[in-house]
Amino acid sequence: MTDNLEPLAVGTTEAARLLGVSRPTLYQLLNRADFPSFRVGSRVLISVAGLQDWIDRQTKEGVG
C-alpha cells in the first residue's frame, strides 16, 4: 500500500519554494501575525492549508 498523503505542514525552505520567495523574505513573513506558522520544539513549520488561505486573503485584499 502506497501512502499518498500530502504534508499538513512544511518547513521554511519548502514554504519559501512554494511561495516562490527567498528564505530571507519568508523569515520576514514569519513576523506577521496573520502568517500561518507555528513551532514544534525549536522547528518552525508553516501550515499548508493555512498558507493557501493566507494567499487567498492576500489576493482578495490586493496586498502584495
N, C-alpha and C. Protein backbone atom coordinates (compact mmCIF):
# COMPACT_ATOMS: atom_id res chain seq x y z
N MET A 1 0.85 -1.19 0.00
CA MET A 1 0.00 0.00 0.00
C MET A 1 0.89 1.24 0.00
N THR A 2 0.63 2.15 -0.89
CA THR A 2 1.41 3.38 -1.01
C THR A 2 0.68 4.51 -0.33
N ASP A 3 1.40 5.20 0.53
CA ASP A 3 0.82 6.39 1.18
C ASP A 3 0.98 7.58 0.27
N ASN A 4 -0.13 8.19 -0.10
CA ASN A 4 -0.12 9.39 -0.93
C ASN A 4 -0.58 10.60 -0.14
N LEU A 5 -0.19 10.65 1.13
CA LEU A 5 -0.60 11.76 1.97
C LEU A 5 0.21 13.00 1.64
N GLU A 6 -0.48 14.10 1.53
CA GLU A 6 0.18 15.38 1.34
C GLU A 6 0.56 15.91 2.72
N PRO A 7 1.67 16.64 2.81
CA PRO A 7 2.05 17.17 4.13
C PRO A 7 1.05 18.21 4.62
N LEU A 8 0.82 18.19 5.92
CA LEU A 8 -0.05 19.19 6.54
C LEU A 8 0.70 20.47 6.83
N ALA A 9 2.01 20.34 7.02
CA ALA A 9 2.86 21.49 7.30
C ALA A 9 4.22 21.25 6.67
N VAL A 10 4.91 22.34 6.35
CA VAL A 10 6.23 22.26 5.73
C VAL A 10 7.19 23.16 6.48
N GLY A 11 8.47 22.91 6.29
CA GLY A 11 9.50 23.75 6.89
C GLY A 11 9.69 25.03 6.10
N THR A 12 10.61 25.84 6.57
CA THR A 12 10.81 27.15 5.97
C THR A 12 11.34 27.07 4.54
N THR A 13 12.23 26.14 4.27
CA THR A 13 12.78 26.04 2.91
C THR A 13 11.70 25.67 1.91
N GLU A 14 10.87 24.69 2.26
CA GLU A 14 9.79 24.26 1.36
C GLU A 14 8.72 25.34 1.23
N ALA A 15 8.40 26.04 2.32
CA ALA A 15 7.41 27.12 2.26
C ALA A 15 7.90 28.24 1.34
N ALA A 16 9.18 28.57 1.44
CA ALA A 16 9.75 29.59 0.56
C ALA A 16 9.65 29.15 -0.89
N ARG A 17 9.93 27.88 -1.15
CA ARG A 17 9.85 27.34 -2.52
C ARG A 17 8.41 27.40 -3.02
N LEU A 18 7.46 27.00 -2.18
CA LEU A 18 6.05 27.02 -2.59
C LEU A 18 5.58 28.44 -2.92
N LEU A 19 6.05 29.41 -2.15
CA LEU A 19 5.66 30.81 -2.38
C LEU A 19 6.45 31.47 -3.50
N GLY A 20 7.59 30.89 -3.83
CA GLY A 20 8.43 31.49 -4.86
C GLY A 20 9.20 32.70 -4.35
N VAL A 21 9.55 32.65 -3.06
CA VAL A 21 10.30 33.75 -2.45
C VAL A 21 11.58 33.20 -1.83
N SER A 22 12.49 34.10 -1.50
CA SER A 22 13.73 33.69 -0.85
C SER A 22 13.46 33.37 0.62
N ARG A 23 14.40 32.65 1.23
CA ARG A 23 14.25 32.36 2.66
C ARG A 23 14.26 33.63 3.50
N PRO A 24 15.11 34.62 3.20
CA PRO A 24 15.03 35.86 3.99
C PRO A 24 13.64 36.53 3.90
N THR A 25 13.03 36.49 2.72
CA THR A 25 11.68 37.04 2.57
C THR A 25 10.69 36.24 3.40
N LEU A 26 10.83 34.92 3.40
CA LEU A 26 9.94 34.08 4.20
C LEU A 26 10.09 34.43 5.68
N TYR A 27 11.32 34.63 6.14
CA TYR A 27 11.52 34.98 7.54
C TYR A 27 10.87 36.32 7.89
N GLN A 28 10.81 37.25 6.94
CA GLN A 28 10.07 38.49 7.18
C GLN A 28 8.58 38.20 7.33
N LEU A 29 8.07 37.30 6.49
CA LEU A 29 6.65 36.93 6.58
C LEU A 29 6.33 36.25 7.91
N LEU A 30 7.28 35.51 8.45
CA LEU A 30 7.06 34.82 9.72
C LEU A 30 6.81 35.80 10.86
N ASN A 31 7.23 37.04 10.70
CA ASN A 31 6.99 38.06 11.73
C ASN A 31 5.59 38.65 11.67
N ARG A 32 4.85 38.32 10.64
CA ARG A 32 3.47 38.82 10.51
C ARG A 32 2.53 37.99 11.37
N ALA A 33 1.63 38.66 12.06
CA ALA A 33 0.68 37.96 12.93
C ALA A 33 -0.28 37.08 12.14
N ASP A 34 -0.54 37.44 10.87
CA ASP A 34 -1.52 36.69 10.08
C ASP A 34 -0.90 35.55 9.27
N PHE A 35 0.40 35.33 9.40
CA PHE A 35 1.06 34.27 8.63
C PHE A 35 0.92 32.95 9.38
N PRO A 36 0.54 31.87 8.69
CA PRO A 36 0.16 30.60 9.34
C PRO A 36 1.34 29.73 9.77
N SER A 37 2.13 30.21 10.69
CA SER A 37 3.28 29.44 11.17
C SER A 37 3.08 29.05 12.63
N PHE A 38 3.80 28.03 13.03
CA PHE A 38 3.77 27.58 14.42
C PHE A 38 5.08 26.84 14.72
N ARG A 39 5.34 26.63 15.98
CA ARG A 39 6.57 25.95 16.40
C ARG A 39 6.25 24.56 16.92
N VAL A 40 7.13 23.64 16.59
CA VAL A 40 7.14 22.31 17.18
C VAL A 40 8.55 22.14 17.72
N GLY A 41 8.69 22.29 19.02
CA GLY A 41 10.02 22.33 19.60
C GLY A 41 10.74 23.57 19.11
N SER A 42 11.93 23.37 18.54
CA SER A 42 12.68 24.50 18.01
C SER A 42 12.42 24.73 16.53
N ARG A 43 11.61 23.88 15.93
CA ARG A 43 11.37 23.95 14.49
C ARG A 43 10.16 24.82 14.16
N VAL A 44 10.30 25.66 13.15
CA VAL A 44 9.19 26.49 12.67
C VAL A 44 8.56 25.76 11.49
N LEU A 45 7.25 25.57 11.56
CA LEU A 45 6.50 24.93 10.47
C LEU A 45 5.43 25.88 9.97
N ILE A 46 5.05 25.69 8.71
CA ILE A 46 4.01 26.50 8.09
C ILE A 46 2.91 25.57 7.63
N SER A 47 1.70 25.85 8.05
CA SER A 47 0.54 25.05 7.67
C SER A 47 0.28 25.21 6.17
N VAL A 48 0.17 24.09 5.46
CA VAL A 48 -0.07 24.14 4.02
C VAL A 48 -1.47 24.70 3.74
N ALA A 49 -2.48 24.22 4.46
CA ALA A 49 -3.84 24.73 4.26
C ALA A 49 -3.91 26.20 4.69
N GLY A 50 -3.26 26.53 5.79
CA GLY A 50 -3.23 27.92 6.25
C GLY A 50 -2.52 28.83 5.26
N LEU A 51 -1.48 28.30 4.63
CA LEU A 51 -0.74 29.08 3.63
C LEU A 51 -1.64 29.38 2.43
N GLN A 52 -2.41 28.39 1.99
CA GLN A 52 -3.33 28.61 0.87
C GLN A 52 -4.38 29.65 1.24
N ASP A 53 -4.92 29.55 2.45
CA ASP A 53 -5.90 30.54 2.91
C ASP A 53 -5.28 31.93 2.98
N TRP A 54 -4.05 32.01 3.48
CA TRP A 54 -3.35 33.28 3.59
C TRP A 54 -3.15 33.90 2.20
N ILE A 55 -2.74 33.07 1.24
CA ILE A 55 -2.56 33.55 -0.14
C ILE A 55 -3.89 34.07 -0.70
N ASP A 56 -4.95 33.32 -0.48
CA ASP A 56 -6.27 33.74 -0.97
C ASP A 56 -6.67 35.09 -0.37
N ARG A 57 -6.43 35.27 0.93
CA ARG A 57 -6.76 36.55 1.57
C ARG A 57 -5.92 37.69 1.00
N GLN A 58 -4.63 37.43 0.77
CA GLN A 58 -3.76 38.48 0.21
C GLN A 58 -4.22 38.88 -1.18
N THR A 59 -4.64 37.91 -1.95
CA THR A 59 -5.12 38.16 -3.30
C THR A 59 -6.41 38.99 -3.28
N LYS A 60 -7.34 38.62 -2.40
CA LYS A 60 -8.61 39.34 -2.30
C LYS A 60 -8.42 40.76 -1.79
N GLU A 61 -7.46 40.94 -0.88
CA GLU A 61 -7.23 42.26 -0.30
C GLU A 61 -6.39 43.14 -1.20
N GLY A 62 -5.73 42.53 -2.18
CA GLY A 62 -4.89 43.31 -3.08
C GLY A 62 -3.57 43.72 -2.46
N VAL A 63 -3.20 43.02 -1.38
CA VAL A 63 -1.92 43.30 -0.72
C VAL A 63 -0.86 42.53 -1.46
N GLY A 64 0.25 43.17 -1.72
CA GLY A 64 1.20 42.38 -2.45
C GLY A 64 2.54 42.87 -2.44
